[in-house]
Amino acid sequence: MSRHRGSCLCGSIQFEFERGYLSAVNCYCSLCRRAHGGAYSTHIAMRSEQFRLIKGKLKVFSASTEGRRAFCEDCGSHVLVHGQIADDSVAVPAGLCEKDTPVEVTAHIFVRDKVAWYRIEDGLPQYDGWPPGVVATHVD
C-alpha cells in the first residue's frame, strides 16, 4: 500500500489515503458534471477506512438519496463522494491529488448522460451506468 496526499483549492482541507493501485473512472453523470463544472469528473474509489482527513472540516451535501458529497467550507472544492457504490465507500476527485500521484483511468461511466459537446476518443471501456460487477447503492 502506498500513501497519497491531496488538498482543496485553498489548502484548508488536506487529506491522505492508502491504496496500492490507483485506478479511477471518468464519470459523466449529471451530478458529477454539476459538482465539478466540467464534461466529466475523474474519481478514485476506495473503502472509507483508506481515507483520512488531515486538516479542515467538510460541508456535506446530500446529492441523491444514498450519495452524499463533501466540500471545503472555504473554497467550495468538491472533496469526497460518500456511499455511491457501497455504504463504506468514498471517492476522491483525482484532480485534488498531488500532481505526481500515479492515477490510471480505466473506464468511462454513465456515458448515457454525457454532454453532446464532448467526445471520448480513447479506447477505454464505456458504460451507460455502473460497470458490470459494481453493485450501486442507488438506482441509476
C-alpha atoms as a PDB file:
ATOM      1  CA  MET A   1       0.000   0.000   0.000  1.00  0.00           C
ATOM      2  CA  SER A   2       1.177   3.465  -0.865  1.00  0.00           C
ATOM      3  CA  ARG A   3       0.153   6.655   0.886  1.00  0.00           C
ATOM      4  CA  HIS A   4      -1.089   9.521  -1.287  1.00  0.00           C
ATOM      5  CA  ARG A   5      -1.955  13.102  -0.379  1.00  0.00           C
ATOM      6  CA  GLY A   6      -4.191  15.837  -1.682  1.00  0.00           C
ATOM      7  CA  SER A   7      -5.857  19.127  -0.820  1.00  0.00           C
ATOM      8  CA  CYS A   8      -8.612  21.513  -1.831  1.00  0.00           C
ATOM      9  CA  LEU A   9      -8.077  24.689  -3.850  1.00  0.00           C
ATOM     10  CA  CYS A  10      -7.373  26.933  -0.842  1.00  0.00           C
ATOM     11  CA  GLY A  11      -5.470  24.339   1.220  1.00  0.00           C
ATOM     12  CA  SER A  12      -7.910  24.404   4.146  1.00  0.00           C
ATOM     13  CA  ILE A  13      -8.664  20.721   3.502  1.00  0.00           C
ATOM     14  CA  GLN A  14      -5.794  18.272   3.433  1.00  0.00           C
ATOM     15  CA  PHE A  15      -6.186  14.519   3.217  1.00  0.00           C
ATOM     16  CA  GLU A  16      -4.341  11.297   2.600  1.00  0.00           C
ATOM     17  CA  PHE A  17      -5.339   7.821   1.544  1.00  0.00           C
ATOM     18  CA  GLU A  18      -3.705   4.431   1.209  1.00  0.00           C
ATOM     19  CA  ARG A  19      -4.095   2.411  -1.949  1.00  0.00           C
ATOM     20  CA  GLY A  20      -1.822   0.157  -3.918  1.00  0.00           C
ATOM     21  CA  TYR A  21      -3.114   0.571  -7.462  1.00  0.00           C
ATOM     22  CA  LEU A  22      -4.825   3.887  -8.194  1.00  0.00           C
ATOM     23  CA  SER A  23      -7.489   3.076 -10.739  1.00  0.00           C
ATOM     24  CA  ALA A  24     -10.012   5.780 -11.496  1.00  0.00           C
ATOM     25  CA  VAL A  25     -13.060   6.292 -13.688  1.00  0.00           C
ATOM     26  CA  ASN A  26     -14.323   9.266 -15.644  1.00  0.00           C
ATOM     27  CA  CYS A  27     -17.957   9.800 -14.651  1.00  0.00           C
ATOM     28  CA  TYR A  28     -20.346  11.692 -16.945  1.00  0.00           C
ATOM     29  CA  CYS A  29     -23.453  11.641 -14.708  1.00  0.00           C
ATOM     30  CA  SER A  30     -25.246  14.948 -14.244  1.00  0.00           C
ATOM     31  CA  LEU A  31     -24.393  15.072 -10.518  1.00  0.00           C
ATOM     32  CA  CYS A  32     -20.642  14.767 -11.131  1.00  0.00           C
ATOM     33  CA  ARG A  33     -20.729  17.208 -14.033  1.00  0.00           C
ATOM     34  CA  ARG A  34     -22.514  19.826 -11.943  1.00  0.00           C
ATOM     35  CA  ALA A  35     -20.358  19.294  -8.867  1.00  0.00           C
ATOM     36  CA  HIS A  36     -17.175  19.759 -10.917  1.00  0.00           C
ATOM     37  CA  GLY A  37     -18.347  22.125 -13.635  1.00  0.00           C
ATOM     38  CA  GLY A  38     -16.818  20.057 -16.428  1.00  0.00           C
ATOM     39  CA  ALA A  39     -17.751  17.445 -19.018  1.00  0.00           C
ATOM     40  CA  TYR A  40     -16.902  14.698 -16.521  1.00  0.00           C
ATOM     41  CA  SER A  41     -15.172  14.056 -13.218  1.00  0.00           C
ATOM     42  CA  THR A  42     -12.354  11.613 -12.517  1.00  0.00           C
ATOM     43  CA  HIS A  43     -12.738   9.744  -9.224  1.00  0.00           C
ATOM     44  CA  ILE A  44     -10.652   7.252  -7.269  1.00  0.00           C
ATOM     45  CA  ALA A  45     -12.955   4.975  -5.266  1.00  0.00           C
ATOM     46  CA  MET A  46     -11.873   3.353  -2.010  1.00  0.00           C
ATOM     47  CA  ARG A  47     -13.154   1.988   1.286  1.00  0.00           C
ATOM     48  CA  SER A  48     -13.785   4.766   3.791  1.00  0.00           C
ATOM     49  CA  GLU A  49     -11.102   3.444   6.176  1.00  0.00           C
ATOM     50  CA  GLN A  50      -8.472   4.077   3.477  1.00  0.00           C
ATOM     51  CA  PHE A  51      -9.227   7.844   3.544  1.00  0.00           C
ATOM     52  CA  ARG A  52      -8.079  10.182   6.308  1.00  0.00           C
ATOM     53  CA  LEU A  53      -8.835  13.868   6.669  1.00  0.00           C
ATOM     54  CA  ILE A  54      -5.660  15.532   7.983  1.00  0.00           C
ATOM     55  CA  LYS A  55      -6.806  19.148   8.159  1.00  0.00           C
ATOM     56  CA  GLY A  56     -10.060  21.064   7.848  1.00  0.00           C
ATOM     57  CA  LYS A  57     -13.784  20.480   8.098  1.00  0.00           C
ATOM     58  CA  LEU A  58     -16.000  19.256   5.287  1.00  0.00           C
ATOM     59  CA  LYS A  59     -19.500  20.509   4.482  1.00  0.00           C
ATOM     60  CA  VAL A  60     -21.734  17.581   3.459  1.00  0.00           C
ATOM     61  CA  PHE A  61     -24.495  17.855   0.865  1.00  0.00           C
ATOM     62  CA  SER A  62     -26.995  15.052   0.137  1.00  0.00           C
ATOM     63  CA  ALA A  63     -26.825  14.934  -3.647  1.00  0.00           C
ATOM     64  CA  SER A  64     -29.109  11.906  -4.006  1.00  0.00           C
ATOM     65  CA  THR A  65     -30.990   9.528  -1.735  1.00  0.00           C
ATOM     66  CA  GLU A  66     -27.922   7.465  -0.905  1.00  0.00           C
ATOM     67  CA  GLY A  67     -24.981   9.551  -2.108  1.00  0.00           C
ATOM     68  CA  ARG A  68     -23.514  12.461  -0.221  1.00  0.00           C
ATOM     69  CA  ARG A  69     -20.865  14.883  -1.443  1.00  0.00           C
ATOM     70  CA  ALA A  70     -18.465  16.743   0.805  1.00  0.00           C
ATOM     71  CA  PHE A  71     -16.969  20.137   0.034  1.00  0.00           C
ATOM     72  CA  CYS A  72     -14.470  22.564   1.555  1.00  0.00           C
ATOM     73  CA  GLU A  73     -16.418  25.179   3.532  1.00  0.00           C
ATOM     74  CA  ASP A  74     -13.971  27.897   2.491  1.00  0.00           C
ATOM     75  CA  CYS A  75     -13.314  27.478  -1.259  1.00  0.00           C
ATOM     76  CA  GLY A  76     -16.100  25.067  -2.257  1.00  0.00           C
ATOM     77  CA  SER A  77     -13.819  22.386  -3.712  1.00  0.00           C
ATOM     78  CA  HIS A  78     -15.548  19.021  -4.065  1.00  0.00           C
ATOM     79  CA  VAL A  79     -13.522  16.633  -1.864  1.00  0.00           C
ATOM     80  CA  LEU A  80     -15.490  13.378  -1.410  1.00  0.00           C
ATOM     81  CA  VAL A  81     -18.422  11.336  -2.633  1.00  0.00           C
ATOM     82  CA  HIS A  82     -19.833   9.010   0.048  1.00  0.00           C
ATOM     83  CA  GLY A  83     -21.772   5.798  -0.424  1.00  0.00           C
ATOM     84  CA  GLN A  84     -22.241   5.625  -4.179  1.00  0.00           C
ATOM     85  CA  ILE A  85     -21.018   2.066  -4.760  1.00  0.00           C
ATOM     86  CA  ALA A  86     -21.189   0.683  -1.219  1.00  0.00           C
ATOM     87  CA  ASP A  87     -22.100   2.014   2.197  1.00  0.00           C
ATOM     88  CA  ASP A  88     -18.460   2.076   3.304  1.00  0.00           C
ATOM     89  CA  SER A  89     -17.111   3.616   0.095  1.00  0.00           C
ATOM     90  CA  VAL A  90     -15.805   7.070  -0.702  1.00  0.00           C
ATOM     91  CA  ALA A  91     -14.481   8.520  -3.917  1.00  0.00           C
ATOM     92  CA  VAL A  92     -11.861  11.248  -4.156  1.00  0.00           C
ATOM     93  CA  PRO A  93     -11.661  13.551  -7.177  1.00  0.00           C
ATOM     94  CA  ALA A  94      -8.314  12.685  -8.755  1.00  0.00           C
ATOM     95  CA  GLY A  95      -7.641  16.348  -9.562  1.00  0.00           C
ATOM     96  CA  LEU A  96      -7.185  17.119  -5.851  1.00  0.00           C
ATOM     97  CA  CYS A  97      -4.299  14.676  -5.504  1.00  0.00           C
ATOM     98  CA  GLU A  98      -0.695  15.825  -5.632  1.00  0.00           C
ATOM     99  CA  LYS A  99       0.441  16.140  -9.229  1.00  0.00           C
ATOM    100  CA  ASP A 100       2.762  13.116  -9.167  1.00  0.00           C
ATOM    101  CA  THR A 101       0.029  10.729  -7.918  1.00  0.00           C
ATOM    102  CA  PRO A 102       0.073   7.706 -10.281  1.00  0.00           C
ATOM    103  CA  VAL A 103      -3.608   7.582 -11.262  1.00  0.00           C
ATOM    104  CA  GLU A 104      -4.722   5.364 -14.140  1.00  0.00           C
ATOM    105  CA  VAL A 105      -8.148   5.951 -15.667  1.00  0.00           C
ATOM    106  CA  THR A 106      -9.655   2.550 -16.518  1.00  0.00           C
ATOM    107  CA  ALA A 107     -13.174   3.319 -17.809  1.00  0.00           C
ATOM    108  CA  HIS A 108     -15.873   5.861 -18.624  1.00  0.00           C
ATOM    109  CA  ILE A 109     -19.136   5.501 -16.678  1.00  0.00           C
ATOM    110  CA  PHE A 110     -22.617   6.979 -17.084  1.00  0.00           C
ATOM    111  CA  VAL A 111     -21.784   7.767 -20.699  1.00  0.00           C
ATOM    112  CA  ARG A 112     -25.532   7.922 -21.446  1.00  0.00           C
ATOM    113  CA  ASP A 113     -25.519  11.270 -19.562  1.00  0.00           C
ATOM    114  CA  LYS A 114     -22.509  12.702 -21.432  1.00  0.00           C
ATOM    115  CA  VAL A 115     -22.818  16.247 -22.816  1.00  0.00           C
ATOM    116  CA  ALA A 116     -23.070  16.455 -26.606  1.00  0.00           C
ATOM    117  CA  TRP A 117     -20.069  18.780 -26.971  1.00  0.00           C
ATOM    118  CA  TYR A 118     -17.507  16.317 -25.551  1.00  0.00           C
ATOM    119  CA  ARG A 119     -16.154  13.308 -27.467  1.00  0.00           C
ATOM    120  CA  ILE A 120     -14.499  10.306 -25.844  1.00  0.00           C
ATOM    121  CA  GLU A 121     -11.596   9.419 -28.111  1.00  0.00           C
ATOM    122  CA  ASP A 122      -9.598   6.797 -26.205  1.00  0.00           C
ATOM    123  CA  GLY A 123     -10.060   3.029 -26.288  1.00  0.00           C
ATOM    124  CA  LEU A 124     -11.165   2.622 -22.667  1.00  0.00           C
ATOM    125  CA  PRO A 125     -14.382   0.725 -21.871  1.00  0.00           C
ATOM    126  CA  GLN A 126     -17.566   2.822 -21.838  1.00  0.00           C
ATOM    127  CA  TYR A 127     -20.632   2.012 -19.733  1.00  0.00           C
ATOM    128  CA  ASP A 128     -24.097   3.592 -19.794  1.00  0.00           C
ATOM    129  CA  GLY A 129     -24.260   3.233 -15.995  1.00  0.00           C
ATOM    130  CA  TRP A 130     -22.231   1.300 -13.453  1.00  0.00           C
ATOM    131  CA  PRO A 131     -19.744  -1.228 -14.887  1.00  0.00           C
ATOM    132  CA  PRO A 132     -20.668  -4.924 -14.617  1.00  0.00           C
ATOM    133  CA  GLY A 133     -19.901  -6.295 -11.164  1.00  0.00           C
ATOM    134  CA  VAL A 134     -20.351  -2.954  -9.359  1.00  0.00           C
ATOM    135  CA  VAL A 135     -23.303  -3.033  -7.010  1.00  0.00           C
ATOM    136  CA  ALA A 136     -24.505   0.508  -6.572  1.00  0.00           C
ATOM    137  CA  THR A 137     -26.447   1.620  -3.514  1.00  0.00           C
ATOM    138  CA  HIS A 138     -28.768   3.783  -5.601  1.00  0.00           C
ATOM    139  CA  VAL A 139     -30.767   3.333  -8.774  1.00  0.00           C
ATOM    140  CA  ASP A 140     -29.131   4.676 -11.939  1.00  0.00           C
END
